PDB file of N, CA and C in Angstrom:
ATOM      1  N   MET A   1      -0.804  -7.204  -4.931  1.00  0.00           N
ATOM      2  CA  MET A   1      -1.177  -5.884  -5.380  1.00  0.00           C
ATOM      3  C   MET A   1      -2.239  -5.275  -4.454  1.00  0.00           C
ATOM      4  N   ALA A   2      -3.239  -6.042  -4.091  1.00  0.00           N
ATOM      5  CA  ALA A   2      -4.339  -5.506  -3.290  1.00  0.00           C
ATOM      6  C   ALA A   2      -3.908  -5.116  -1.879  1.00  0.00           C
ATOM      7  N   ASP A   3      -2.885  -5.782  -1.339  1.00  0.00           N
ATOM      8  CA  ASP A   3      -2.482  -5.490   0.028  1.00  0.00           C
ATOM      9  C   ASP A   3      -1.360  -4.458   0.124  1.00  0.00           C
ATOM     10  N   GLU A   4      -0.898  -3.938  -1.010  1.00  0.00           N
ATOM     11  CA  GLU A   4       0.138  -2.903  -0.993  1.00  0.00           C
ATOM     12  C   GLU A   4      -0.439  -1.585  -0.494  1.00  0.00           C
ATOM     13  N   LYS A   5       0.394  -0.782   0.151  1.00  0.00           N
ATOM     14  CA  LYS A   5      -0.028   0.549   0.585  1.00  0.00           C
ATOM     15  C   LYS A   5      -0.285   1.409  -0.647  1.00  0.00           C
ATOM     16  N   LYS A   6      -1.363   2.138  -0.629  1.00  0.00           N
ATOM     17  CA  LYS A   6      -1.735   2.984  -1.769  1.00  0.00           C
ATOM     18  C   LYS A   6      -1.123   4.362  -1.587  1.00  0.00           C
ATOM     19  N   THR A   7      -0.087   4.664  -2.373  1.00  0.00           N
ATOM     20  CA  THR A   7       0.632   5.932  -2.232  1.00  0.00           C
ATOM     21  C   THR A   7       0.644   6.750  -3.515  1.00  0.00           C
ATOM     22  N   LYS A   8       0.169   6.207  -4.617  1.00  0.00           N
ATOM     23  CA  LYS A   8       0.190   6.903  -5.899  1.00  0.00           C
ATOM     24  C   LYS A   8      -1.205   7.426  -6.228  1.00  0.00           C
ATOM     25  N   VAL A   9      -1.251   8.624  -6.779  1.00  0.00           N
ATOM     26  CA  VAL A   9      -2.521   9.255  -7.135  1.00  0.00           C
ATOM     27  C   VAL A   9      -2.620   9.330  -8.655  1.00  0.00           C
ATOM     28  N   VAL A  10      -3.780   8.953  -9.184  1.00  0.00           N
ATOM     29  CA  VAL A  10      -4.054   9.041 -10.610  1.00  0.00           C
ATOM     30  C   VAL A  10      -5.367   9.799 -10.768  1.00  0.00           C
ATOM     31  N   THR A  11      -5.353  10.832 -11.586  1.00  0.00           N
ATOM     32  CA  THR A  11      -6.566  11.601 -11.847  1.00  0.00           C
ATOM     33  C   THR A  11      -7.198  11.087 -13.138  1.00  0.00           C
ATOM     34  N   VAL A  12      -8.488  10.803 -13.083  1.00  0.00           N
ATOM     35  CA  VAL A  12      -9.216  10.287 -14.238  1.00  0.00           C
ATOM     36  C   VAL A  12     -10.420  11.186 -14.488  1.00  0.00           C
ATOM     37  N   LEU A  13     -10.599  11.600 -15.724  1.00  0.00           N
ATOM     38  CA  LEU A  13     -11.780  12.374 -16.092  1.00  0.00           C
ATOM     39  C   LEU A  13     -12.826  11.427 -16.669  1.00  0.00           C
ATOM     40  N   LEU A  14     -14.053  11.504 -16.161  1.00  0.00           N
ATOM     41  CA  LEU A  14     -15.151  10.665 -16.624  1.00  0.00           C
ATOM     42  C   LEU A  14     -16.307  11.543 -17.064  1.00  0.00           C
ATOM     43  N   SER A  15     -17.062  11.039 -18.018  1.00  0.00           N
ATOM     44  CA  SER A  15     -18.283  11.732 -18.409  1.00  0.00           C
ATOM     45  C   SER A  15     -19.329  11.495 -17.319  1.00  0.00           C
ATOM     46  N   PRO A  16     -20.370  12.307 -17.283  1.00  0.00           N
ATOM     47  CA  PRO A  16     -21.422  12.084 -16.282  1.00  0.00           C
ATOM     48  C   PRO A  16     -22.023  10.672 -16.370  1.00  0.00           C
ATOM     49  N   SER A  17     -22.203  10.151 -17.572  1.00  0.00           N
ATOM     50  CA  SER A  17     -22.786   8.814 -17.700  1.00  0.00           C
ATOM     51  C   SER A  17     -21.814   7.731 -17.240  1.00  0.00           C
ATOM     52  N   GLU A  18     -20.515   7.926 -17.450  1.00  0.00           N
ATOM     53  CA  GLU A  18     -19.530   6.964 -16.953  1.00  0.00           C
ATOM     54  C   GLU A  18     -19.507   6.955 -15.428  1.00  0.00           C
ATOM     55  N   LEU A  19     -19.581   8.138 -14.834  1.00  0.00           N
ATOM     56  CA  LEU A  19     -19.593   8.226 -13.378  1.00  0.00           C
ATOM     57  C   LEU A  19     -20.865   7.606 -12.804  1.00  0.00           C
ATOM     58  N   ASP A  20     -22.000   7.831 -13.464  1.00  0.00           N
ATOM     59  CA  ASP A  20     -23.255   7.205 -13.031  1.00  0.00           C
ATOM     60  C   ASP A  20     -23.143   5.684 -13.098  1.00  0.00           C
ATOM     61  N   ALA A  21     -22.554   5.171 -14.192  1.00  0.00           N
ATOM     62  CA  ALA A  21     -22.387   3.719 -14.345  1.00  0.00           C
ATOM     63  C   ALA A  21     -21.461   3.168 -13.273  1.00  0.00           C
ATOM     64  N   LEU A  22     -20.378   3.886 -12.979  1.00  0.00           N
ATOM     65  CA  LEU A  22     -19.450   3.463 -11.931  1.00  0.00           C
ATOM     66  C   LEU A  22     -20.156   3.417 -10.584  1.00  0.00           C
ATOM     67  N   ASP A  23     -20.887   4.468 -10.251  1.00  0.00           N
ATOM     68  CA  ASP A  23     -21.586   4.516  -8.970  1.00  0.00           C
ATOM     69  C   ASP A  23     -22.652   3.433  -8.874  1.00  0.00           C
ATOM     70  N   THR A  24     -23.376   3.191  -9.956  1.00  0.00           N
ATOM     71  CA  THR A  24     -24.390   2.128  -9.955  1.00  0.00           C
ATOM     72  C   THR A  24     -23.732   0.780  -9.713  1.00  0.00           C
ATOM     73  N   TRP A  25     -22.645   0.504 -10.414  1.00  0.00           N
ATOM     74  CA  TRP A  25     -21.919  -0.759 -10.254  1.00  0.00           C
ATOM     75  C   TRP A  25     -21.389  -0.885  -8.818  1.00  0.00           C
ATOM     76  N   ARG A  26     -20.859   0.213  -8.307  1.00  0.00           N
ATOM     77  CA  ARG A  26     -20.303   0.232  -6.942  1.00  0.00           C
ATOM     78  C   ARG A  26     -21.379  -0.081  -5.907  1.00  0.00           C
ATOM     79  N   TYR A  27     -22.532   0.549  -6.026  1.00  0.00           N
ATOM     80  CA  TYR A  27     -23.612   0.312  -5.052  1.00  0.00           C
ATOM     81  C   TYR A  27     -24.140  -1.120  -5.174  1.00  0.00           C
ATOM     82  N   GLU A  28     -24.296  -1.606  -6.410  1.00  0.00           N
ATOM     83  CA  GLU A  28     -24.790  -2.968  -6.615  1.00  0.00           C
ATOM     84  C   GLU A  28     -23.836  -4.009  -6.048  1.00  0.00           C
ATOM     85  N   ASN A  29     -22.551  -3.695  -6.021  1.00  0.00           N
ATOM     86  CA  ASN A  29     -21.539  -4.626  -5.528  1.00  0.00           C
ATOM     87  C   ASN A  29     -21.079  -4.298  -4.115  1.00  0.00           C
ATOM     88  N   ARG A  30     -21.794  -3.374  -3.472  1.00  0.00           N
ATOM     89  CA  ARG A  30     -21.544  -3.007  -2.070  1.00  0.00           C
ATOM     90  C   ARG A  30     -20.082  -2.639  -1.820  1.00  0.00           C
ATOM     91  N   ILE A  31     -19.535  -1.813  -2.714  1.00  0.00           N
ATOM     92  CA  ILE A  31     -18.166  -1.324  -2.570  1.00  0.00           C
ATOM     93  C   ILE A  31     -18.243   0.067  -1.948  1.00  0.00           C
ATOM     94  N   SER A  32     -17.450   0.297  -0.912  1.00  0.00           N
ATOM     95  CA  SER A  32     -17.626   1.482  -0.073  1.00  0.00           C
ATOM     96  C   SER A  32     -17.154   2.793  -0.682  1.00  0.00           C
ATOM     97  N   SER A  33     -16.249   2.752  -1.661  1.00  0.00           N
ATOM     98  CA  SER A  33     -15.751   4.016  -2.217  1.00  0.00           C
ATOM     99  C   SER A  33     -15.535   3.905  -3.723  1.00  0.00           C
ATOM    100  N   ARG A  34     -15.520   5.051  -4.367  1.00  0.00           N
ATOM    101  CA  ARG A  34     -15.245   5.084  -5.804  1.00  0.00           C
ATOM    102  C   ARG A  34     -13.839   4.565  -6.096  1.00  0.00           C
ATOM    103  N   GLY A  35     -12.880   4.957  -5.263  1.00  0.00           N
ATOM    104  CA  GLY A  35     -11.505   4.513  -5.471  1.00  0.00           C
ATOM    105  C   GLY A  35     -11.388   3.003  -5.437  1.00  0.00           C
ATOM    106  N   GLU A  36     -12.035   2.386  -4.454  1.00  0.00           N
ATOM    107  CA  GLU A  36     -11.993   0.922  -4.355  1.00  0.00           C
ATOM    108  C   GLU A  36     -12.707   0.286  -5.538  1.00  0.00           C
ATOM    109  N   ALA A  37     -13.799   0.887  -5.989  1.00  0.00           N
ATOM    110  CA  ALA A  37     -14.514   0.366  -7.160  1.00  0.00           C
ATOM    111  C   ALA A  37     -13.623   0.421  -8.395  1.00  0.00           C
ATOM    112  N   ILE A  38     -12.932   1.521  -8.585  1.00  0.00           N
ATOM    113  CA  ILE A  38     -12.040   1.661  -9.739  1.00  0.00           C
ATOM    114  C   ILE A  38     -10.906   0.642  -9.653  1.00  0.00           C
ATOM    115  N   ARG A  39     -10.298   0.472  -8.466  1.00  0.00           N
ATOM    116  CA  ARG A  39      -9.230  -0.526  -8.312  1.00  0.00           C
ATOM    117  C   ARG A  39      -9.750  -1.930  -8.588  1.00  0.00           C
ATOM    118  N   THR A  40     -10.964  -2.232  -8.139  1.00  0.00           N
ATOM    119  CA  THR A  40     -11.556  -3.551  -8.384  1.00  0.00           C
ATOM    120  C   THR A  40     -11.772  -3.781  -9.872  1.00  0.00           C
ATOM    121  N   LEU A  41     -12.300  -2.785 -10.558  1.00  0.00           N
ATOM    122  CA  LEU A  41     -12.519  -2.923 -12.004  1.00  0.00           C
ATOM    123  C   LEU A  41     -11.204  -3.071 -12.756  1.00  0.00           C
ATOM    124  N   ILE A  42     -10.169  -2.370 -12.338  1.00  0.00           N
ATOM    125  CA  ILE A  42      -8.852  -2.505 -12.964  1.00  0.00           C
ATOM    126  C   ILE A  42      -8.328  -3.924 -12.757  1.00  0.00           C
ATOM    127  N   ARG A  43      -8.422  -4.445 -11.525  1.00  0.00           N
ATOM    128  CA  ARG A  43      -7.971  -5.820 -11.266  1.00  0.00           C
ATOM    129  C   ARG A  43      -8.759  -6.815 -12.099  1.00  0.00           C
ATOM    130  N   MET A  44     -10.067  -6.599 -12.225  1.00  0.00           N
ATOM    131  CA  MET A  44     -10.896  -7.486 -13.048  1.00  0.00           C
ATOM    132  C   MET A  44     -10.427  -7.461 -14.499  1.00  0.00           C
ATOM    133  N   GLY A  45     -10.089  -6.277 -14.987  1.00  0.00           N
ATOM    134  CA  GLY A  45      -9.576  -6.170 -16.353  1.00  0.00           C
ATOM    135  C   GLY A  45      -8.253  -6.886 -16.519  1.00  0.00           C
ATOM    136  N   PHE A  46      -7.352  -6.719 -15.550  1.00  0.00           N
ATOM    137  CA  PHE A  46      -6.061  -7.405 -15.603  1.00  0.00           C
ATOM    138  C   PHE A  46      -6.233  -8.917 -15.581  1.00  0.00           C
ATOM    139  N   ASN A  47      -7.222  -9.399 -14.845  1.00  0.00           N
ATOM    140  CA  ASN A  47      -7.443 -10.840 -14.712  1.00  0.00           C
ATOM    141  C   ASN A  47      -8.276 -11.444 -15.835  1.00  0.00           C
ATOM    142  N   SER A  48      -8.840 -10.612 -16.686  1.00  0.00           N
ATOM    143  CA  SER A  48      -9.694 -11.135 -17.755  1.00  0.00           C
ATOM    144  C   SER A  48      -8.868 -11.900 -18.776  1.00  0.00           C
ATOM    145  N   SER A  49      -9.493 -12.808 -19.450  1.00  0.00           N
ATOM    146  CA  SER A  49      -8.784 -13.623 -20.432  1.00  0.00           C
ATOM    147  C   SER A  49      -8.379 -12.805 -21.657  1.00  0.00           C
ATOM    148  N   LEU A  50      -8.982 -11.658 -21.859  1.00  0.00           N
ATOM    149  CA  LEU A  50      -8.661 -10.832 -23.021  1.00  0.00           C
ATOM    150  C   LEU A  50      -7.467  -9.927 -22.794  1.00  0.00           C
ATOM    151  N   PHE A  51      -7.116  -9.665 -21.521  1.00  0.00           N
ATOM    152  CA  PHE A  51      -6.042  -8.726 -21.225  1.00  0.00           C
ATOM    153  C   PHE A  51      -4.723  -9.212 -21.797  1.00  0.00           C
ATOM    154  N   GLY A  52      -4.059  -8.328 -22.543  1.00  0.00           N
ATOM    155  CA  GLY A  52      -2.752  -8.644 -23.091  1.00  0.00           C
ATOM    156  C   GLY A  52      -2.775  -9.425 -24.383  1.00  0.00           C
ATOM    157  N   LYS A  53      -3.955  -9.790 -24.863  1.00  0.00           N
ATOM    158  CA  LYS A  53      -4.029 -10.592 -26.081  1.00  0.00           C
ATOM    159  C   LYS A  53      -4.432  -9.793 -27.315  1.00  0.00           C
ATOM    160  N   SER A  54      -4.950  -8.597 -27.123  1.00  0.00           N
ATOM    161  CA  SER A  54      -5.390  -7.821 -28.283  1.00  0.00           C
ATOM    162  C   SER A  54      -4.474  -6.641 -28.504  1.00  0.00           C
ATOM    163  N   LYS A  55      -4.274  -6.279 -29.743  1.00  0.00           N
ATOM    164  CA  LYS A  55      -3.456  -5.125 -30.115  1.00  0.00           C
ATOM    165  C   LYS A  55      -4.378  -3.930 -30.292  1.00  0.00           C
ATOM    166  N   THR A  56      -3.906  -2.753 -29.917  1.00  0.00           N
ATOM    167  CA  THR A  56      -4.681  -1.541 -30.120  1.00  0.00           C
ATOM    168  C   THR A  56      -3.988  -0.677 -31.147  1.00  0.00           C
ATOM    169  N   ALA A  57      -4.721   0.253 -31.704  1.00  0.00           N
ATOM    170  CA  ALA A  57      -4.178   1.132 -32.723  1.00  0.00           C
ATOM    171  C   ALA A  57      -3.065   2.014 -32.183  1.00  0.00           C
ATOM    172  N   SER A  58      -3.055   2.248 -30.879  1.00  0.00           N
ATOM    173  CA  SER A  58      -2.067   3.149 -30.303  1.00  0.00           C
ATOM    174  C   SER A  58      -0.730   2.466 -30.012  1.00  0.00           C
ATOM    175  N   GLU A  59      -0.666   1.145 -30.150  1.00  0.00           N
ATOM    176  CA  GLU A  59       0.579   0.443 -29.892  1.00  0.00           C
ATOM    177  C   GLU A  59       1.559   0.656 -31.047  1.00  0.00           C
ATOM    178  N   PRO A  60       2.836   0.814 -30.753  1.00  0.00           N
ATOM    179  CA  PRO A  60       3.819   1.008 -31.817  1.00  0.00           C
ATOM    180  C   PRO A  60       3.928  -0.232 -32.695  1.00  0.00           C
ATOM    181  N   LYS A  61       4.092   0.005 -33.977  1.00  0.00           N
ATOM    182  CA  LYS A  61       4.247  -1.107 -34.918  1.00  0.00           C
ATOM    183  C   LYS A  61       5.703  -1.512 -34.976  1.00  0.00           C
ATOM    184  N   LYS A  62       5.950  -2.795 -35.092  1.00  0.00           N
ATOM    185  CA  LYS A  62       7.319  -3.304 -35.136  1.00  0.00           C
ATOM    186  C   LYS A  62       7.736  -3.643 -36.545  1.00  0.00           C
TER     187      LYS A  62
END
């Protein structure tokens, strides 16, 4: 996933405090761009032990 060419664009709206938190995390982790920081956080979420194990209210009921 990380070595694939990035050709898709996703627009995300963040609150000022979310953007501040993202930038703080990015600078603390020496990540060069917001896009790379967001991709890193997404990968971290995918790799977390909780991913895919919890149900959300928005999921269809069977």
